[in-house]
């Protein structure tokens, strides 16, 4: 899938680069952080 869509591959590569630069090298930790942020965003929207 990513071989056919260079724009998507580029965005994913940039995201992982940001994780590496921020000190998150473990993919599971990155997924955990994303899940936490999505949960907090959803929680914030439900209070409005």
PDB file of N, CA and C in Angstrom:
ATOM      1  N   UNK A   1       0.824  -1.193   0.000  1.00  0.00           N
ATOM      2  CA  UNK A   1       0.000   0.000   0.000  1.00  0.00           C
ATOM      3  C   UNK A   1       0.867   1.256   0.000  1.00  0.00           C
ATOM      4  N   UNK A   2       1.895   1.286   0.844  1.00  0.00           N
ATOM      5  CA  UNK A   2       2.736   2.484   0.911  1.00  0.00           C
ATOM      6  C   UNK A   2       3.616   2.647  -0.316  1.00  0.00           C
ATOM      7  N   UNK A   3       3.862   1.550  -1.049  1.00  0.00           N
ATOM      8  CA  UNK A   3       4.662   1.665  -2.257  1.00  0.00           C
ATOM      9  C   UNK A   3       3.922   2.476  -3.323  1.00  0.00           C
ATOM     10  N   UNK A   4       2.595   2.408  -3.305  1.00  0.00           N
ATOM     11  CA  UNK A   4       1.789   3.100  -4.303  1.00  0.00           C
ATOM     12  C   UNK A   4       1.408   4.515  -3.894  1.00  0.00           C
ATOM     13  N   UNK A   5       1.611   4.882  -2.646  1.00  0.00           N
ATOM     14  CA  UNK A   5       1.184   6.191  -2.168  1.00  0.00           C
ATOM     15  C   UNK A   5       2.364   6.876  -1.469  1.00  0.00           C
ATOM     16  N   UNK A   6       3.133   7.609  -2.253  1.00  0.00           N
ATOM     17  CA  UNK A   6       4.338   8.235  -1.710  1.00  0.00           C
ATOM     18  C   UNK A   6       4.013   9.361  -0.730  1.00  0.00           C
ATOM     19  N   UNK A   7       2.875  10.032  -0.898  1.00  0.00           N
ATOM     20  CA  UNK A   7       2.499  11.111   0.027  1.00  0.00           C
ATOM     21  C   UNK A   7       2.218  10.548   1.418  1.00  0.00           C
ATOM     22  N   UNK A   8       1.499   9.434   1.489  1.00  0.00           N
ATOM     23  CA  UNK A   8       1.197   8.806   2.769  1.00  0.00           C
ATOM     24  C   UNK A   8       2.474   8.282   3.425  1.00  0.00           C
ATOM     25  N   UNK A   9       3.334   7.667   2.644  1.00  0.00           N
ATOM     26  CA  UNK A   9       4.603   7.159   3.171  1.00  0.00           C
ATOM     27  C   UNK A   9       5.442   8.303   3.727  1.00  0.00           C
ATOM     28  N   UNK A  10       5.446   9.433   3.046  1.00  0.00           N
ATOM     29  CA  UNK A  10       6.199  10.594   3.505  1.00  0.00           C
ATOM     30  C   UNK A  10       5.670  11.110   4.840  1.00  0.00           C
ATOM     31  N   UNK A  11       4.352  11.172   4.992  1.00  0.00           N
ATOM     32  CA  UNK A  11       3.754  11.630   6.249  1.00  0.00           C
ATOM     33  C   UNK A  11       4.074  10.679   7.399  1.00  0.00           C
ATOM     34  N   UNK A  12       4.014   9.386   7.137  1.00  0.00           N
ATOM     35  CA  UNK A  12       4.328   8.406   8.170  1.00  0.00           C
ATOM     36  C   UNK A  12       5.794   8.496   8.561  1.00  0.00           C
ATOM     37  N   UNK A  13       6.673   8.655   7.572  1.00  0.00           N
ATOM     38  CA  UNK A  13       8.103   8.804   7.870  1.00  0.00           C
ATOM     39  C   UNK A  13       8.379  10.042   8.719  1.00  0.00           C
ATOM     40  N   UNK A  14       7.694  11.135   8.432  1.00  0.00           N
ATOM     41  CA  UNK A  14       7.859  12.362   9.225  1.00  0.00           C
ATOM     42  C   UNK A  14       7.367  12.154  10.664  1.00  0.00           C
ATOM     43  N   UNK A  15       6.257  11.447  10.814  1.00  0.00           N
ATOM     44  CA  UNK A  15       5.724  11.172  12.144  1.00  0.00           C
ATOM     45  C   UNK A  15       6.718  10.352  12.964  1.00  0.00           C
ATOM     46  N   UNK A  16       7.256   9.283  12.369  1.00  0.00           N
ATOM     47  CA  UNK A  16       8.231   8.455  13.092  1.00  0.00           C
ATOM     48  C   UNK A  16       9.494   9.237  13.398  1.00  0.00           C
ATOM     49  N   UNK A  17       9.909  10.127  12.485  1.00  0.00           N
ATOM     50  CA  UNK A  17      11.083  10.967  12.740  1.00  0.00           C
ATOM     51  C   UNK A  17      10.848  11.859  13.958  1.00  0.00           C
ATOM     52  N   UNK A  18       9.643  12.406  14.074  1.00  0.00           N
ATOM     53  CA  UNK A  18       9.302  13.228  15.241  1.00  0.00           C
ATOM     54  C   UNK A  18       9.342  12.414  16.524  1.00  0.00           C
ATOM     55  N   UNK A  19       8.856  11.172  16.473  1.00  0.00           N
ATOM     56  CA  UNK A  19       8.935  10.306  17.653  1.00  0.00           C
ATOM     57  C   UNK A  19      10.383  10.048  18.037  1.00  0.00           C
ATOM     58  N   UNK A  20      11.229   9.722  17.057  1.00  0.00           N
ATOM     59  CA  UNK A  20      12.640   9.447  17.344  1.00  0.00           C
ATOM     60  C   UNK A  20      13.324  10.670  17.949  1.00  0.00           C
ATOM     61  N   UNK A  21      13.062  11.841  17.364  1.00  0.00           N
ATOM     62  CA  UNK A  21      13.678  13.072  17.875  1.00  0.00           C
ATOM     63  C   UNK A  21      13.184  13.410  19.268  1.00  0.00           C
ATOM     64  N   UNK A  22      11.963  13.010  19.590  1.00  0.00           N
ATOM     65  CA  UNK A  22      11.403  13.256  20.915  1.00  0.00           C
ATOM     66  C   UNK A  22      11.809  12.223  21.946  1.00  0.00           C
ATOM     67  N   UNK A  23      12.574  11.218  21.531  1.00  0.00           N
ATOM     68  CA  UNK A  23      13.060  10.223  22.468  1.00  0.00           C
ATOM     69  C   UNK A  23      12.206   8.967  22.569  1.00  0.00           C
ATOM     70  N   UNK A  24      11.244   8.810  21.678  1.00  0.00           N
ATOM     71  CA  UNK A  24      10.409   7.610  21.693  1.00  0.00           C
ATOM     72  C   UNK A  24      10.870   6.697  20.565  1.00  0.00           C
ATOM     73  N   UNK A  25      11.570   5.630  20.921  1.00  0.00           N
ATOM     74  CA  UNK A  25      12.106   4.713  19.919  1.00  0.00           C
ATOM     75  C   UNK A  25      11.284   3.426  19.821  1.00  0.00           C
ATOM     76  N   UNK A  26      10.490   3.148  20.829  1.00  0.00           N
ATOM     77  CA  UNK A  26       9.694   1.925  20.854  1.00  0.00           C
ATOM     78  C   UNK A  26       8.339   2.196  20.200  1.00  0.00           C
ATOM     79  N   UNK A  27       7.982   1.467  19.144  1.00  0.00           N
ATOM     80  CA  UNK A  27       6.685   1.691  18.489  1.00  0.00           C
ATOM     81  C   UNK A  27       5.496   1.524  19.416  1.00  0.00           C
ATOM     82  N   UNK A  28       5.584   0.621  20.382  1.00  0.00           N
ATOM     83  CA  UNK A  28       4.468   0.440  21.319  1.00  0.00           C
ATOM     84  C   UNK A  28       4.266   1.678  22.192  1.00  0.00           C
ATOM     85  N   UNK A  29       5.346   2.314  22.572  1.00  0.00           N
ATOM     86  CA  UNK A  29       5.251   3.548  23.352  1.00  0.00           C
ATOM     87  C   UNK A  29       4.610   4.649  22.516  1.00  0.00           C
ATOM     88  N   UNK A  30       4.979   4.716  21.249  1.00  0.00           N
ATOM     89  CA  UNK A  30       4.392   5.723  20.363  1.00  0.00           C
ATOM     90  C   UNK A  30       2.890   5.506  20.216  1.00  0.00           C
ATOM     91  N   UNK A  31       2.480   4.261  20.030  1.00  0.00           N
ATOM     92  CA  UNK A  31       1.056   3.945  19.902  1.00  0.00           C
ATOM     93  C   UNK A  31       0.325   4.272  21.201  1.00  0.00           C
ATOM     94  N   UNK A  32       0.964   3.989  22.324  1.00  0.00           N
ATOM     95  CA  UNK A  32       0.363   4.316  23.618  1.00  0.00           C
ATOM     96  C   UNK A  32       0.152   5.822  23.748  1.00  0.00           C
ATOM     97  N   UNK A  33       1.124   6.611  23.346  1.00  0.00           N
ATOM     98  CA  UNK A  33       1.004   8.060  23.440  1.00  0.00           C
ATOM     99  C   UNK A  33      -0.099   8.593  22.524  1.00  0.00           C
ATOM    100  N   UNK A  34      -0.172   8.061  21.315  1.00  0.00           N
ATOM    101  CA  UNK A  34      -1.223   8.474  20.377  1.00  0.00           C
ATOM    102  C   UNK A  34      -2.597   8.124  20.938  1.00  0.00           C
ATOM    103  N   UNK A  35      -2.735   6.924  21.493  1.00  0.00           N
ATOM    104  CA  UNK A  35      -4.017   6.504  22.076  1.00  0.00           C
ATOM    105  C   UNK A  35      -4.423   7.425  23.219  1.00  0.00           C
ATOM    106  N   UNK A  36      -3.465   7.766  24.062  1.00  0.00           N
ATOM    107  CA  UNK A  36      -3.740   8.661  25.183  1.00  0.00           C
ATOM    108  C   UNK A  36      -4.211  10.030  24.687  1.00  0.00           C
ATOM    109  N   UNK A  37      -3.524  10.570  23.688  1.00  0.00           N
ATOM    110  CA  UNK A  37      -3.904  11.882  23.166  1.00  0.00           C
ATOM    111  C   UNK A  37      -5.278  11.855  22.515  1.00  0.00           C
ATOM    112  N   UNK A  38      -5.591  10.788  21.786  1.00  0.00           N
ATOM    113  CA  UNK A  38      -6.918  10.667  21.176  1.00  0.00           C
ATOM    114  C   UNK A  38      -8.006  10.557  22.242  1.00  0.00           C
ATOM    115  N   UNK A  39      -7.718   9.808  23.304  1.00  0.00           N
ATOM    116  CA  UNK A  39      -8.678   9.686  24.400  1.00  0.00           C
ATOM    117  C   UNK A  39      -8.929  11.048  25.044  1.00  0.00           C
ATOM    118  N   UNK A  40      -7.862  11.784  25.312  1.00  0.00           N
ATOM    119  CA  UNK A  40      -8.009  13.093  25.947  1.00  0.00           C
ATOM    120  C   UNK A  40      -8.771  14.059  25.040  1.00  0.00           C
ATOM    121  N   UNK A  41      -8.501  13.991  23.747  1.00  0.00           N
ATOM    122  CA  UNK A  41      -9.222  14.860  22.815  1.00  0.00           C
ATOM    123  C   UNK A  41     -10.707  14.508  22.789  1.00  0.00           C
ATOM    124  N   UNK A  42     -11.007  13.224  22.772  1.00  0.00           N
ATOM    125  CA  UNK A  42     -12.398  12.782  22.776  1.00  0.00           C
ATOM    126  C   UNK A  42     -13.093  13.194  24.078  1.00  0.00           C
ATOM    127  N   UNK A  43     -12.413  13.073  25.188  1.00  0.00           N
ATOM    128  CA  UNK A  43     -12.953  13.461  26.474  1.00  0.00           C
ATOM    129  C   UNK A  43     -13.247  14.962  26.497  1.00  0.00           C
ATOM    130  N   UNK A  44     -12.367  15.748  25.940  1.00  0.00           N
ATOM    131  CA  UNK A  44     -12.546  17.200  25.898  1.00  0.00           C
ATOM    132  C   UNK A  44     -13.762  17.575  25.066  1.00  0.00           C
ATOM    133  N   UNK A  45     -13.958  16.904  23.916  1.00  0.00           N
ATOM    134  CA  UNK A  45     -15.100  17.216  23.056  1.00  0.00           C
ATOM    135  C   UNK A  45     -16.412  16.790  23.684  1.00  0.00           C
ATOM    136  N   UNK A  46     -16.410  15.763  24.503  1.00  0.00           N
ATOM    137  CA  UNK A  46     -17.658  15.301  25.092  1.00  0.00           C
ATOM    138  C   UNK A  46     -18.151  16.228  26.194  1.00  0.00           C
ATOM    139  N   UNK A  47     -17.289  17.098  26.704  1.00  0.00           N
ATOM    140  CA  UNK A  47     -17.697  18.025  27.762  1.00  0.00           C
ATOM    141  C   UNK A  47     -18.316  19.305  27.205  1.00  0.00           C
ATOM    142  N   UNK A  48     -18.218  19.521  25.916  1.00  0.00           N
ATOM    143  CA  UNK A  48     -18.749  20.759  25.325  1.00  0.00           C
ATOM    144  C   UNK A  48     -20.207  20.637  25.014  1.00  0.00           C
TER     145      UNK A  48
END
